[in-house]
């Protein structure tokens, strides 16, 4: 049963990271140029992180059949807020929640996997701090 819980945890983490990447992309479309740089850096952290987790899980044979592809996920409308409001109200709390989930999930992996997940969590926290200023 623990293996099944770990699989579900990995799928949930991947889905969460995919949702974050999509939200960042949506916000980039409405963000003024000076806000876009931080968002692009965040996207550059998220996309390789998603790919690395999927590769690691594929190499150990974990079935990711429960993962929902980005195109199948519902889009959450951003409303008519300014991009700064959207970042602070919607994106920053999700970044912090995902970082917390990555830290919670990290101990169940190899030393290298744990280190990777903790570094990804720290990167998300760093971006959350930068975007909330």
N, C-alpha and C. Protein backbone atom coordinates (compact mmCIF):
# COMPACT_ATOMS: atom_id res chain seq x y z
N UNK A 1 0.82 -1.20 0.00
CA UNK A 1 0.00 0.00 0.00
C UNK A 1 0.87 1.27 0.00
N UNK A 2 2.02 1.21 0.67
CA UNK A 2 2.91 2.38 0.71
C UNK A 2 3.38 2.75 -0.69
N UNK A 3 3.69 1.73 -1.53
CA UNK A 3 4.12 1.99 -2.90
C UNK A 3 3.03 2.72 -3.67
N UNK A 4 1.78 2.30 -3.46
CA UNK A 4 0.65 2.94 -4.14
C UNK A 4 0.53 4.40 -3.68
N UNK A 5 0.71 4.66 -2.39
CA UNK A 5 0.64 6.02 -1.87
C UNK A 5 1.74 6.88 -2.49
N UNK A 6 2.94 6.30 -2.61
CA UNK A 6 4.05 7.03 -3.22
C UNK A 6 3.73 7.36 -4.67
N UNK A 7 3.17 6.39 -5.40
CA UNK A 7 2.79 6.64 -6.79
C UNK A 7 1.78 7.77 -6.88
N UNK A 8 0.78 7.71 -6.03
CA UNK A 8 -0.23 8.78 -6.05
C UNK A 8 0.39 10.12 -5.71
N UNK A 9 1.35 10.10 -4.77
CA UNK A 9 2.03 11.34 -4.40
C UNK A 9 2.81 11.92 -5.56
N UNK A 10 3.50 11.05 -6.31
CA UNK A 10 4.26 11.52 -7.47
C UNK A 10 3.32 12.09 -8.52
N UNK A 11 2.24 11.40 -8.78
CA UNK A 11 1.27 11.88 -9.76
C UNK A 11 0.70 13.22 -9.31
N UNK A 12 0.38 13.35 -8.03
CA UNK A 12 -0.16 14.61 -7.52
C UNK A 12 0.87 15.73 -7.66
N UNK A 13 2.15 15.42 -7.36
CA UNK A 13 3.19 16.44 -7.52
C UNK A 13 3.34 16.87 -8.97
N UNK A 14 3.36 15.90 -9.87
CA UNK A 14 3.48 16.24 -11.29
C UNK A 14 2.29 17.07 -11.75
N UNK A 15 1.09 16.68 -11.36
CA UNK A 15 -0.09 17.46 -11.74
C UNK A 15 -0.02 18.88 -11.18
N UNK A 16 0.45 19.00 -9.95
CA UNK A 16 0.56 20.31 -9.32
C UNK A 16 1.59 21.18 -10.07
N UNK A 17 2.72 20.60 -10.42
CA UNK A 17 3.75 21.35 -11.15
C UNK A 17 3.26 21.75 -12.54
N UNK A 18 2.53 20.85 -13.20
CA UNK A 18 1.98 21.17 -14.52
C UNK A 18 0.98 22.31 -14.41
N UNK A 19 0.14 22.27 -13.38
CA UNK A 19 -0.81 23.36 -13.17
C UNK A 19 -0.09 24.69 -12.94
N UNK A 20 0.99 24.65 -12.17
CA UNK A 20 1.75 25.87 -11.93
C UNK A 20 2.36 26.41 -13.22
N UNK A 21 2.93 25.52 -14.03
CA UNK A 21 3.53 25.96 -15.30
C UNK A 21 2.47 26.60 -16.19
N UNK A 22 1.29 26.03 -16.23
CA UNK A 22 0.21 26.60 -17.05
C UNK A 22 -0.23 27.96 -16.50
N UNK A 23 -0.32 28.08 -15.19
CA UNK A 23 -0.72 29.36 -14.59
C UNK A 23 0.32 30.43 -14.89
N UNK A 24 1.59 30.07 -14.79
CA UNK A 24 2.66 31.02 -15.09
C UNK A 24 2.54 31.49 -16.54
N UNK A 25 2.31 30.56 -17.44
CA UNK A 25 2.19 30.90 -18.86
C UNK A 25 1.01 31.86 -19.08
N UNK A 26 -0.11 31.61 -18.43
CA UNK A 26 -1.27 32.50 -18.57
C UNK A 26 -0.95 33.90 -18.06
N UNK A 27 -0.28 33.97 -16.92
CA UNK A 27 0.03 35.27 -16.33
C UNK A 27 1.04 36.03 -17.19
N UNK A 28 1.97 35.29 -17.80
CA UNK A 28 2.95 35.94 -18.68
C UNK A 28 2.26 36.72 -19.80
N UNK A 29 1.14 36.23 -20.27
CA UNK A 29 0.43 36.88 -21.38
C UNK A 29 -0.08 38.26 -20.99
N UNK A 30 -0.44 38.44 -19.72
CA UNK A 30 -1.00 39.74 -19.31
C UNK A 30 -0.01 40.59 -18.54
N UNK A 31 1.15 40.03 -18.22
CA UNK A 31 2.12 40.75 -17.39
C UNK A 31 2.85 41.83 -18.17
N UNK A 32 3.08 42.97 -17.53
CA UNK A 32 3.94 43.98 -18.15
C UNK A 32 5.37 43.44 -18.25
N UNK A 33 6.14 44.01 -19.11
CA UNK A 33 7.50 43.52 -19.39
C UNK A 33 8.33 43.35 -18.11
N UNK A 34 8.25 44.29 -17.18
CA UNK A 34 9.09 44.23 -15.97
C UNK A 34 8.73 43.06 -15.06
N UNK A 35 7.52 42.54 -15.14
CA UNK A 35 7.11 41.38 -14.35
C UNK A 35 7.40 40.06 -15.08
N UNK A 36 7.50 40.13 -16.38
CA UNK A 36 7.67 38.92 -17.18
C UNK A 36 8.97 38.18 -16.91
N UNK A 37 10.03 38.90 -16.60
CA UNK A 37 11.33 38.27 -16.39
C UNK A 37 11.30 37.25 -15.24
N UNK A 38 10.70 37.64 -14.10
CA UNK A 38 10.58 36.72 -12.97
C UNK A 38 9.74 35.50 -13.34
N UNK A 39 8.66 35.74 -14.07
CA UNK A 39 7.79 34.64 -14.48
C UNK A 39 8.50 33.69 -15.44
N UNK A 40 9.28 34.24 -16.35
CA UNK A 40 10.03 33.40 -17.29
C UNK A 40 11.08 32.56 -16.56
N UNK A 41 11.73 33.14 -15.55
CA UNK A 41 12.70 32.39 -14.76
C UNK A 41 12.00 31.25 -14.00
N UNK A 42 10.82 31.54 -13.47
CA UNK A 42 10.05 30.51 -12.78
C UNK A 42 9.68 29.38 -13.74
N UNK A 43 9.26 29.75 -14.93
CA UNK A 43 8.91 28.74 -15.93
C UNK A 43 10.13 27.88 -16.28
N UNK A 44 11.31 28.51 -16.33
CA UNK A 44 12.54 27.78 -16.63
C UNK A 44 12.92 26.82 -15.50
N UNK A 45 12.42 27.05 -14.30
CA UNK A 45 12.61 26.11 -13.19
C UNK A 45 11.59 24.99 -13.27
N UNK A 46 10.34 25.33 -13.56
CA UNK A 46 9.25 24.35 -13.54
C UNK A 46 9.35 23.30 -14.63
N UNK A 47 9.55 23.71 -15.86
CA UNK A 47 9.50 22.77 -16.98
C UNK A 47 10.55 21.68 -16.87
N UNK A 48 11.82 22.02 -16.63
CA UNK A 48 12.81 20.95 -16.45
C UNK A 48 12.52 20.09 -15.21
N UNK A 49 11.95 20.70 -14.17
CA UNK A 49 11.59 19.94 -12.96
C UNK A 49 10.54 18.89 -13.27
N UNK A 50 9.54 19.27 -14.04
CA UNK A 50 8.49 18.33 -14.44
C UNK A 50 9.10 17.20 -15.25
N UNK A 51 9.93 17.56 -16.21
CA UNK A 51 10.57 16.55 -17.07
C UNK A 51 11.45 15.61 -16.26
N UNK A 52 12.21 16.16 -15.30
CA UNK A 52 13.12 15.33 -14.49
C UNK A 52 12.34 14.35 -13.62
N UNK A 53 11.27 14.80 -12.98
CA UNK A 53 10.47 13.91 -12.14
C UNK A 53 9.85 12.81 -13.00
N UNK A 54 9.32 13.16 -14.15
CA UNK A 54 8.72 12.15 -15.03
C UNK A 54 9.77 11.13 -15.48
N UNK A 55 10.98 11.61 -15.80
CA UNK A 55 12.08 10.70 -16.22
C UNK A 55 12.48 9.75 -15.09
N UNK A 56 12.62 10.31 -13.90
CA UNK A 56 13.01 9.50 -12.74
C UNK A 56 11.97 8.42 -12.48
N UNK A 57 10.72 8.81 -12.50
CA UNK A 57 9.66 7.85 -12.22
C UNK A 57 9.56 6.80 -13.33
N UNK A 58 9.78 7.20 -14.57
CA UNK A 58 9.75 6.23 -15.67
C UNK A 58 10.90 5.24 -15.54
N UNK A 59 12.05 5.72 -15.09
CA UNK A 59 13.22 4.84 -14.98
C UNK A 59 13.06 3.79 -13.87
N UNK A 60 12.29 4.11 -12.84
CA UNK A 60 12.06 3.12 -11.77
C UNK A 60 10.79 2.33 -11.99
N UNK A 61 10.12 2.60 -13.09
CA UNK A 61 8.96 1.81 -13.47
C UNK A 61 7.66 2.19 -12.80
N UNK A 62 7.57 3.37 -12.25
CA UNK A 62 6.32 3.81 -11.63
C UNK A 62 5.33 4.19 -12.72
N UNK A 63 4.16 3.55 -12.72
CA UNK A 63 3.17 3.91 -13.73
C UNK A 63 2.55 5.27 -13.42
N UNK A 64 2.58 6.14 -14.38
CA UNK A 64 2.00 7.47 -14.21
C UNK A 64 0.67 7.57 -14.96
N UNK A 65 -0.04 6.46 -15.02
CA UNK A 65 -1.30 6.42 -15.77
C UNK A 65 -2.35 7.36 -15.20
N UNK A 66 -2.23 7.70 -13.92
CA UNK A 66 -3.22 8.59 -13.29
C UNK A 66 -2.92 10.06 -13.51
N UNK A 67 -1.80 10.35 -14.16
CA UNK A 67 -1.46 11.74 -14.41
C UNK A 67 -2.39 12.32 -15.47
N UNK A 68 -2.86 13.50 -15.23
CA UNK A 68 -3.75 14.17 -16.17
C UNK A 68 -2.91 15.08 -17.05
N UNK A 69 -3.00 14.90 -18.35
CA UNK A 69 -2.21 15.72 -19.25
C UNK A 69 -2.69 17.17 -19.21
N UNK A 70 -1.79 18.12 -19.48
CA UNK A 70 -2.17 19.53 -19.39
C UNK A 70 -3.40 19.89 -20.22
N UNK A 71 -3.54 19.33 -21.40
CA UNK A 71 -4.67 19.70 -22.25
C UNK A 71 -6.00 19.18 -21.70
N UNK A 72 -5.96 18.19 -20.82
CA UNK A 72 -7.20 17.64 -20.27
C UNK A 72 -7.62 18.35 -18.98
N UNK A 73 -6.78 19.19 -18.46
CA UNK A 73 -7.07 19.88 -17.20
C UNK A 73 -7.88 21.15 -17.47
N UNK A 74 -8.84 21.43 -16.62
CA UNK A 74 -9.62 22.67 -16.80
C UNK A 74 -8.76 23.89 -16.53
N UNK A 75 -8.99 24.94 -17.28
CA UNK A 75 -8.27 26.20 -17.06
C UNK A 75 -9.07 27.05 -16.09
N UNK A 76 -8.35 27.64 -15.16
CA UNK A 76 -8.98 28.54 -14.20
C UNK A 76 -8.86 29.94 -14.76
N UNK A 77 -9.99 30.63 -14.98
CA UNK A 77 -9.90 31.98 -15.53
C UNK A 77 -9.21 32.91 -14.54
N UNK A 78 -8.42 33.82 -15.08
CA UNK A 78 -7.67 34.74 -14.24
C UNK A 78 -8.49 35.95 -13.83
N UNK A 79 -9.62 36.16 -14.44
CA UNK A 79 -10.44 37.31 -14.10
C UNK A 79 -9.88 38.57 -14.71
N UNK A 80 -10.31 39.70 -14.21
CA UNK A 80 -9.89 40.97 -14.80
C UNK A 80 -8.86 41.69 -13.94
N UNK A 81 -8.23 40.96 -13.04
CA UNK A 81 -7.22 41.58 -12.17
C UNK A 81 -5.97 41.93 -12.96
N UNK A 82 -5.17 42.81 -12.39
CA UNK A 82 -3.88 43.10 -13.01
C UNK A 82 -2.97 41.90 -12.77
N UNK A 83 -1.94 41.77 -13.55
CA UNK A 83 -1.06 40.62 -13.41
C UNK A 83 -0.41 40.58 -12.02
N UNK A 84 -0.08 41.72 -11.46
CA UNK A 84 0.52 41.74 -10.12
C UNK A 84 -0.43 41.17 -9.09
N UNK A 85 -1.72 41.51 -9.20
CA UNK A 85 -2.71 40.96 -8.28
C UNK A 85 -2.82 39.45 -8.44
N UNK A 86 -2.84 38.99 -9.68
CA UNK A 86 -2.96 37.55 -9.95
C UNK A 86 -1.76 36.81 -9.36
N UNK A 87 -0.58 37.38 -9.54
CA UNK A 87 0.63 36.74 -9.01
C UNK A 87 0.54 36.63 -7.50
N UNK A 88 0.21 37.71 -6.85
CA UNK A 88 0.18 37.72 -5.39
C UNK A 88 -0.96 36.86 -4.83
N UNK A 89 -2.13 36.96 -5.41
CA UNK A 89 -3.30 36.30 -4.85
C UNK A 89 -3.42 34.83 -5.24
N UNK A 90 -2.97 34.47 -6.41
CA UNK A 90 -3.18 33.10 -6.88
C UNK A 90 -1.91 32.30 -7.04
N UNK A 91 -0.91 32.87 -7.65
CA UNK A 91 0.29 32.10 -7.97
C UNK A 91 1.19 31.88 -6.75
N UNK A 92 1.45 32.93 -5.97
CA UNK A 92 2.38 32.81 -4.85
C UNK A 92 1.90 31.76 -3.83
N UNK A 93 0.64 31.75 -3.41
CA UNK A 93 0.22 30.69 -2.48
C UNK A 93 0.34 29.28 -3.07
N UNK A 94 0.10 29.15 -4.36
CA UNK A 94 0.24 27.83 -5.00
C UNK A 94 1.70 27.41 -5.07
N UNK A 95 2.60 28.36 -5.30
CA UNK A 95 4.04 28.05 -5.29
C UNK A 95 4.45 27.54 -3.91
N UNK A 96 3.99 28.22 -2.87
CA UNK A 96 4.35 27.83 -1.51
C UNK A 96 3.76 26.46 -1.15
N UNK A 97 2.53 26.21 -1.56
CA UNK A 97 1.89 24.91 -1.29
C UNK A 97 2.62 23.78 -2.02
N UNK A 98 3.00 24.01 -3.24
CA UNK A 98 3.72 23.00 -4.01
C UNK A 98 5.10 22.74 -3.40
N UNK A 99 5.78 23.79 -2.96
CA UNK A 99 7.08 23.63 -2.30
C UNK A 99 6.93 22.79 -1.04
N UNK A 100 5.88 23.05 -0.27
CA UNK A 100 5.62 22.27 0.94
C UNK A 100 5.37 20.80 0.60
N UNK A 101 4.58 20.55 -0.45
CA UNK A 101 4.29 19.17 -0.86
C UNK A 101 5.55 18.45 -1.35
N UNK A 102 6.41 19.17 -2.07
CA UNK A 102 7.67 18.58 -2.53
C UNK A 102 8.53 18.19 -1.33
N UNK A 103 8.60 19.07 -0.32
CA UNK A 103 9.39 18.76 0.88
C UNK A 103 8.80 17.57 1.63
N UNK A 104 7.48 17.51 1.71
CA UNK A 104 6.82 16.38 2.40
C UNK A 104 7.08 15.06 1.69
N UNK A 105 7.14 15.11 0.36
CA UNK A 105 7.30 13.90 -0.44
C UNK A 105 8.77 13.46 -0.57
N UNK A 106 9.70 14.37 -0.36
CA UNK A 106 11.13 14.11 -0.58
C UNK A 106 11.71 12.94 0.21
N UNK A 107 11.38 12.76 1.50
CA UNK A 107 12.03 11.69 2.27
C UNK A 107 11.79 10.27 1.74
N UNK A 108 10.81 10.03 0.93
CA UNK A 108 10.53 8.69 0.43
C UNK A 108 11.37 8.28 -0.77
N UNK A 109 12.39 9.06 -1.11
CA UNK A 109 13.17 8.80 -2.31
C UNK A 109 14.63 8.51 -1.97
N UNK A 110 15.39 8.17 -2.99
CA UNK A 110 16.84 7.99 -2.82
C UNK A 110 17.45 9.33 -2.41
N UNK A 111 18.71 9.29 -2.00
CA UNK A 111 19.39 10.53 -1.59
C UNK A 111 19.38 11.55 -2.72
N UNK A 112 19.65 11.09 -3.95
CA UNK A 112 19.66 12.02 -5.10
C UNK A 112 18.26 12.55 -5.37
N UNK A 113 17.24 11.70 -5.28
CA UNK A 113 15.86 12.13 -5.50
C UNK A 113 15.41 13.11 -4.44
N UNK A 114 15.76 12.82 -3.19
CA UNK A 114 15.42 13.73 -2.08
C UNK A 114 16.07 15.09 -2.28
N UNK A 115 17.34 15.07 -2.63
CA UNK A 115 18.08 16.32 -2.87
C UNK A 115 17.44 17.13 -3.99
N UNK A 116 17.09 16.45 -5.08
CA UNK A 116 16.46 17.12 -6.22
C UNK A 116 15.13 17.77 -5.81
N UNK A 117 14.27 17.02 -5.11
CA UNK A 117 12.97 17.55 -4.71
C UNK A 117 13.12 18.72 -3.74
N UNK A 118 14.09 18.63 -2.83
CA UNK A 118 14.31 19.72 -1.88
C UNK A 118 14.84 20.98 -2.58
N UNK A 119 15.71 20.79 -3.57
CA UNK A 119 16.21 21.94 -4.34
C UNK A 119 15.09 22.58 -5.16
N UNK A 120 14.23 21.75 -5.75
CA UNK A 120 13.09 22.27 -6.51
C UNK A 120 12.17 23.05 -5.58
N UNK A 121 11.91 22.52 -4.39
CA UNK A 121 11.07 23.21 -3.40
C UNK A 121 11.69 24.55 -3.01
N UNK A 122 12.99 24.56 -2.78
CA UNK A 122 13.68 25.81 -2.42
C UNK A 122 13.59 26.82 -3.56
N UNK A 123 13.70 26.35 -4.79
CA UNK A 123 13.57 27.24 -5.94
C UNK A 123 12.18 27.85 -6.03
N UNK A 124 11.16 27.04 -5.78
CA UNK A 124 9.79 27.56 -5.81
C UNK A 124 9.59 28.60 -4.71
N UNK A 125 10.12 28.34 -3.52
CA UNK A 125 10.02 29.31 -2.42
C UNK A 125 10.73 30.61 -2.76
N UNK A 126 11.91 30.49 -3.36
CA UNK A 126 12.68 31.68 -3.77
C UNK A 126 11.87 32.53 -4.75
N UNK A 127 11.24 31.87 -5.71
CA UNK A 127 10.43 32.61 -6.68
C UNK A 127 9.17 33.19 -6.03
N UNK A 128 8.57 32.46 -5.11
CA UNK A 128 7.40 32.99 -4.39
C UNK A 128 7.78 34.27 -3.64
N UNK A 129 8.94 34.24 -2.97
CA UNK A 129 9.41 35.43 -2.25
C UNK A 129 9.65 36.60 -3.22
N UNK A 130 10.29 36.32 -4.34
CA UNK A 130 10.59 37.38 -5.33
C UNK A 130 9.32 37.96 -5.92
N UNK A 131 8.35 37.10 -6.21
CA UNK A 131 7.12 37.56 -6.86
C UNK A 131 6.17 38.27 -5.90
N UNK A 132 6.35 38.06 -4.61
CA UNK A 132 5.43 38.69 -3.67
C UNK A 132 5.91 40.07 -3.20
N UNK A 133 7.04 40.53 -3.73
CA UNK A 133 7.54 41.87 -3.36
C UNK A 133 6.82 42.94 -4.12
